[in-house]
Amino acid sequence: MASCSRCPSTPRRGPRFHRGPAAAAGPRERWRCWRHGAAHAKGRRMTADPTLRTLRPDDAEACAALVRSAFSAQDVVTDPPSSALRETGDSLRAWIAAGGGVGIAAGDRLLALLLWAERDGGLYCGRLAVDPAARGRGFARALVAEAEREARRRSLPRLHVRVRLQLAGNLALFASLGFREIARDVHAGYPEPTLAVLEKRLDG
């Protein structure tokens, strides 16, 4: 792994990946160390390490495949079935173009992603997906942290997300990241709530 002089040689907890390319680098594209923000020349070999970057519309097909794979591998079969299983390249291309998002990739392989959109006075987070083979590496937390940075960049006062009540693990993840339940919602035709509406305030 190419590293900056500030990167410790001892093992560390959490994900090991770089963030880049840096948006402000211009034609001399550079990569940024995820842990310290130090820039590295693009020519160095670091494609083996997971890299966090902004999603582009031409990522849409890979995003759709990852979303369907991740949501179909959930331990709990949700009722009604998640609409994520019906995502296509076209639907996510439109989302990325209109809202945006961030992904983590190793070389050409997309490992995790989070899409967002500015709505209801905050940054809405949707389609958080991690490759089943890449879970347990802190990618979901890193993506939500990036969403928080994006919301602050836009001077938005909150992040919000909708999570199925059946998915206790997802609810626990967001709670650990500072989200709290502010409402419940129900799918059409169901007598009881099926969704928790969660929020993280950024203006407190």
Protein backbone atom coordinates (compact mmCIF):
# COMPACT_ATOMS: atom_id res chain seq x y z
CA MET A 1 0.00 0.00 0.00
CA ALA A 2 1.34 3.42 -0.94
CA SER A 3 1.19 5.57 2.16
CA CYS A 4 1.98 9.06 3.31
CA SER A 5 4.74 9.74 5.81
CA ARG A 6 2.14 10.25 8.54
CA CYS A 7 0.52 6.82 8.08
CA PRO A 8 1.50 4.54 10.99
CA SER A 9 3.20 1.25 10.19
CA THR A 10 1.36 -0.51 13.00
CA PRO A 11 -2.04 -2.10 12.33
CA ARG A 12 -5.01 0.19 12.87
CA ARG A 13 -8.69 -0.32 13.33
CA GLY A 14 -11.24 0.62 10.73
CA PRO A 15 -11.21 0.55 6.93
CA ARG A 16 -7.96 0.92 5.00
CA PHE A 17 -8.72 2.83 1.85
CA HIS A 18 -7.83 6.01 0.09
CA ARG A 19 -10.12 8.82 -0.91
CA GLY A 20 -9.80 10.25 -4.34
CA PRO A 21 -9.42 11.49 -6.86
CA ALA A 22 -9.39 14.89 -5.17
CA ALA A 23 -12.10 17.04 -6.74
CA ALA A 24 -10.00 20.19 -6.73
CA ALA A 25 -6.88 18.62 -8.21
CA GLY A 26 -7.66 19.69 -11.78
CA PRO A 27 -5.81 18.07 -14.68
CA ARG A 28 -3.02 16.79 -12.41
CA GLU A 29 -5.26 14.27 -10.73
CA ARG A 30 -4.12 13.19 -7.27
CA TRP A 31 -5.30 10.70 -4.69
CA ARG A 32 -5.85 11.50 -1.03
CA CYS A 33 -4.97 9.32 1.92
CA TRP A 34 -8.27 8.49 3.61
CA ARG A 35 -6.81 8.70 7.11
CA HIS A 36 -4.71 11.86 6.83
CA GLY A 37 -5.78 13.72 3.68
CA ALA A 38 -2.23 13.79 2.30
CA ALA A 39 -2.08 13.85 -1.49
CA HIS A 40 -0.32 11.12 -3.47
CA ALA A 41 0.57 11.19 -7.14
CA LYS A 42 -1.87 9.27 -9.30
CA GLY A 43 0.95 7.27 -10.84
CA ARG A 44 1.64 5.33 -7.66
CA ARG A 45 0.20 1.87 -7.51
CA MET A 46 -2.75 1.86 -5.10
CA THR A 47 -5.56 0.28 -7.12
CA ALA A 48 -5.43 -2.76 -4.79
CA ASP A 49 -6.66 -0.59 -1.94
CA PRO A 50 -10.31 0.47 -1.66
CA THR A 51 -10.82 4.02 -2.85
CA LEU A 52 -13.68 6.36 -1.97
CA ARG A 53 -14.89 8.58 -4.81
CA THR A 54 -17.89 10.52 -6.08
CA LEU A 55 -20.27 8.46 -8.20
CA ARG A 56 -20.82 9.42 -11.84
CA PRO A 57 -23.78 8.65 -14.14
CA ASP A 58 -21.61 6.15 -16.03
CA ASP A 59 -21.33 4.13 -12.79
CA ALA A 60 -25.08 3.49 -12.87
CA GLU A 61 -25.05 -0.08 -14.21
CA ALA A 62 -22.48 -1.20 -11.64
CA CYS A 63 -24.44 0.62 -8.92
CA ALA A 64 -27.68 -1.12 -9.87
CA ALA A 65 -26.01 -4.54 -9.85
CA LEU A 66 -24.49 -3.89 -6.42
CA VAL A 67 -27.76 -2.59 -4.96
CA ARG A 68 -29.69 -5.64 -6.16
CA SER A 69 -26.99 -8.01 -4.89
CA ALA A 70 -26.71 -6.35 -1.48
CA PHE A 71 -30.45 -6.08 -0.84
CA SER A 72 -31.15 -9.63 -2.02
CA ALA A 73 -28.53 -10.92 0.45
CA GLN A 74 -30.23 -9.42 3.53
CA ASP A 75 -30.74 -11.85 6.39
CA VAL A 76 -34.35 -10.73 6.76
CA VAL A 77 -36.90 -11.03 3.96
CA THR A 78 -38.81 -7.77 4.15
CA ASP A 79 -42.53 -7.44 3.57
CA PRO A 80 -43.25 -5.81 1.20
CA PRO A 81 -40.12 -6.66 -0.81
CA SER A 82 -37.67 -3.79 -1.14
CA SER A 83 -38.01 -1.60 -4.21
CA ALA A 84 -34.20 -1.69 -4.33
CA LEU A 85 -34.49 -5.10 -5.96
CA ARG A 86 -36.05 -3.38 -8.98
CA GLU A 87 -33.38 -0.75 -9.46
CA THR A 88 -31.91 -0.48 -12.95
CA GLY A 89 -29.05 1.37 -14.52
CA ASP A 90 -31.52 3.92 -15.87
CA SER A 91 -33.16 4.58 -12.50
CA LEU A 92 -29.86 5.02 -10.69
CA ARG A 93 -28.37 7.06 -13.51
CA ALA A 94 -31.20 9.54 -13.01
CA TRP A 95 -30.67 9.54 -9.22
CA ILE A 96 -26.92 10.13 -9.52
CA ALA A 97 -27.40 12.91 -12.06
CA ALA A 98 -30.07 14.68 -10.01
CA GLY A 99 -28.77 14.06 -6.50
CA GLY A 100 -25.40 12.38 -6.27
CA GLY A 101 -23.63 9.87 -4.13
CA VAL A 102 -20.37 8.25 -3.21
CA GLY A 103 -18.86 4.82 -3.73
CA ILE A 104 -15.96 2.69 -2.55
CA ALA A 105 -14.15 0.68 -5.20
CA ALA A 106 -11.10 -1.56 -5.44
CA GLY A 107 -9.80 -1.23 -8.95
CA ASP A 108 -12.80 -1.64 -11.25
CA ARG A 109 -14.88 -3.44 -8.63
CA LEU A 110 -17.52 -1.40 -6.81
CA LEU A 111 -17.68 -2.55 -3.17
CA ALA A 112 -20.11 -0.13 -1.54
CA LEU A 113 -22.21 2.91 -2.32
CA LEU A 114 -24.56 5.49 -0.85
CA LEU A 115 -26.85 7.74 -2.88
CA TRP A 116 -28.25 11.03 -1.67
CA ALA A 117 -30.64 13.79 -2.64
CA GLU A 118 -31.43 17.18 -1.18
CA ARG A 119 -35.01 17.08 0.07
CA ASP A 120 -37.22 18.04 3.02
CA GLY A 121 -34.69 20.50 4.37
CA GLY A 122 -31.80 18.05 4.56
CA LEU A 123 -29.71 15.48 2.73
CA TYR A 124 -31.69 12.28 2.26
CA CYS A 125 -29.57 9.12 2.23
CA GLY A 126 -30.78 6.15 0.23
CA ARG A 127 -29.67 2.84 -1.22
CA LEU A 128 -26.82 2.24 1.21
CA ALA A 129 -25.36 -0.98 -0.21
CA VAL A 130 -22.25 -3.02 0.58
CA ASP A 131 -21.09 -6.05 -1.40
CA PRO A 132 -21.91 -9.09 0.78
CA ALA A 133 -18.29 -10.24 0.45
CA ALA A 134 -16.99 -6.88 1.70
CA ARG A 135 -19.09 -6.44 4.82
CA GLY A 136 -17.58 -5.87 8.24
CA ARG A 137 -14.87 -3.50 6.97
CA GLY A 138 -16.42 -0.21 8.06
CA PHE A 139 -17.54 0.84 4.59
CA ALA A 140 -21.12 1.72 5.58
CA ARG A 141 -19.88 4.01 8.35
CA ALA A 142 -17.40 5.68 6.01
CA LEU A 143 -20.10 6.35 3.43
CA VAL A 144 -22.46 7.89 5.98
CA ALA A 145 -19.59 10.04 7.25
CA GLU A 146 -19.06 11.25 3.70
CA ALA A 147 -22.77 12.08 3.43
CA GLU A 148 -22.44 14.15 6.58
CA ARG A 149 -19.53 16.05 5.06
CA GLU A 150 -21.60 16.66 1.93
CA ALA A 151 -24.54 17.96 3.96
CA ARG A 152 -22.28 20.33 5.87
CA ARG A 153 -20.72 21.49 2.60
CA ARG A 154 -24.22 22.38 1.39
CA SER A 155 -25.05 24.03 4.74
CA LEU A 156 -27.89 21.57 5.31
CA PRO A 157 -28.99 21.09 8.93
CA ARG A 158 -29.68 17.37 8.89
CA LEU A 159 -29.27 13.93 7.37
CA HIS A 160 -32.31 11.70 7.12
CA VAL A 161 -33.03 8.15 6.06
CA ARG A 162 -35.89 5.65 6.00
CA VAL A 163 -35.20 2.15 7.37
CA ARG A 164 -37.42 -0.92 7.45
CA LEU A 165 -38.54 -1.73 10.98
CA GLN A 166 -37.74 -5.39 10.28
CA LEU A 167 -34.04 -4.61 9.80
CA ALA A 168 -32.81 -4.38 13.38
CA GLY A 169 -29.17 -4.37 12.31
CA ASN A 170 -29.64 -1.36 10.06
CA LEU A 171 -31.54 0.50 12.77
CA ALA A 172 -28.71 -0.22 15.22
CA LEU A 173 -26.09 0.97 12.71
CA PHE A 174 -27.76 4.33 12.21
CA ALA A 175 -28.37 4.73 15.95
CA SER A 176 -24.65 4.20 16.54
CA LEU A 177 -23.96 6.97 14.01
CA GLY A 178 -26.08 9.50 15.87
CA PHE A 179 -29.45 9.09 14.14
CA ARG A 180 -32.69 9.04 16.08
CA GLU A 181 -36.20 8.01 15.11
CA ILE A 182 -38.49 10.98 14.47
CA ALA A 183 -41.48 9.27 12.82
CA ARG A 184 -42.83 6.05 11.39
CA ASP A 185 -44.39 5.46 7.99
CA VAL A 186 -46.37 2.68 6.37
CA HIS A 187 -46.40 1.15 2.91
CA ALA A 188 -49.67 1.43 1.03
CA GLY A 189 -52.02 -1.40 1.91
CA TYR A 190 -50.36 -2.30 5.22
CA PRO A 191 -52.20 -1.73 8.50
CA GLU A 192 -49.11 -1.13 10.67
CA PRO A 193 -45.96 0.99 10.23
CA THR A 194 -43.24 -0.65 8.16
CA LEU A 195 -40.61 2.12 8.13
CA ALA A 196 -38.73 4.21 10.67
CA VAL A 197 -37.80 7.74 9.66
CA LEU A 198 -34.40 8.56 11.17
CA GLU A 199 -32.62 11.89 11.43
CA LYS A 200 -29.23 13.19 12.44
CA ARG A 201 -29.13 16.89 13.25
CA LEU A 202 -26.02 18.76 12.19
CA ASP A 203 -26.94 22.15 13.60
CA GLY A 204 -26.81 21.31 17.28
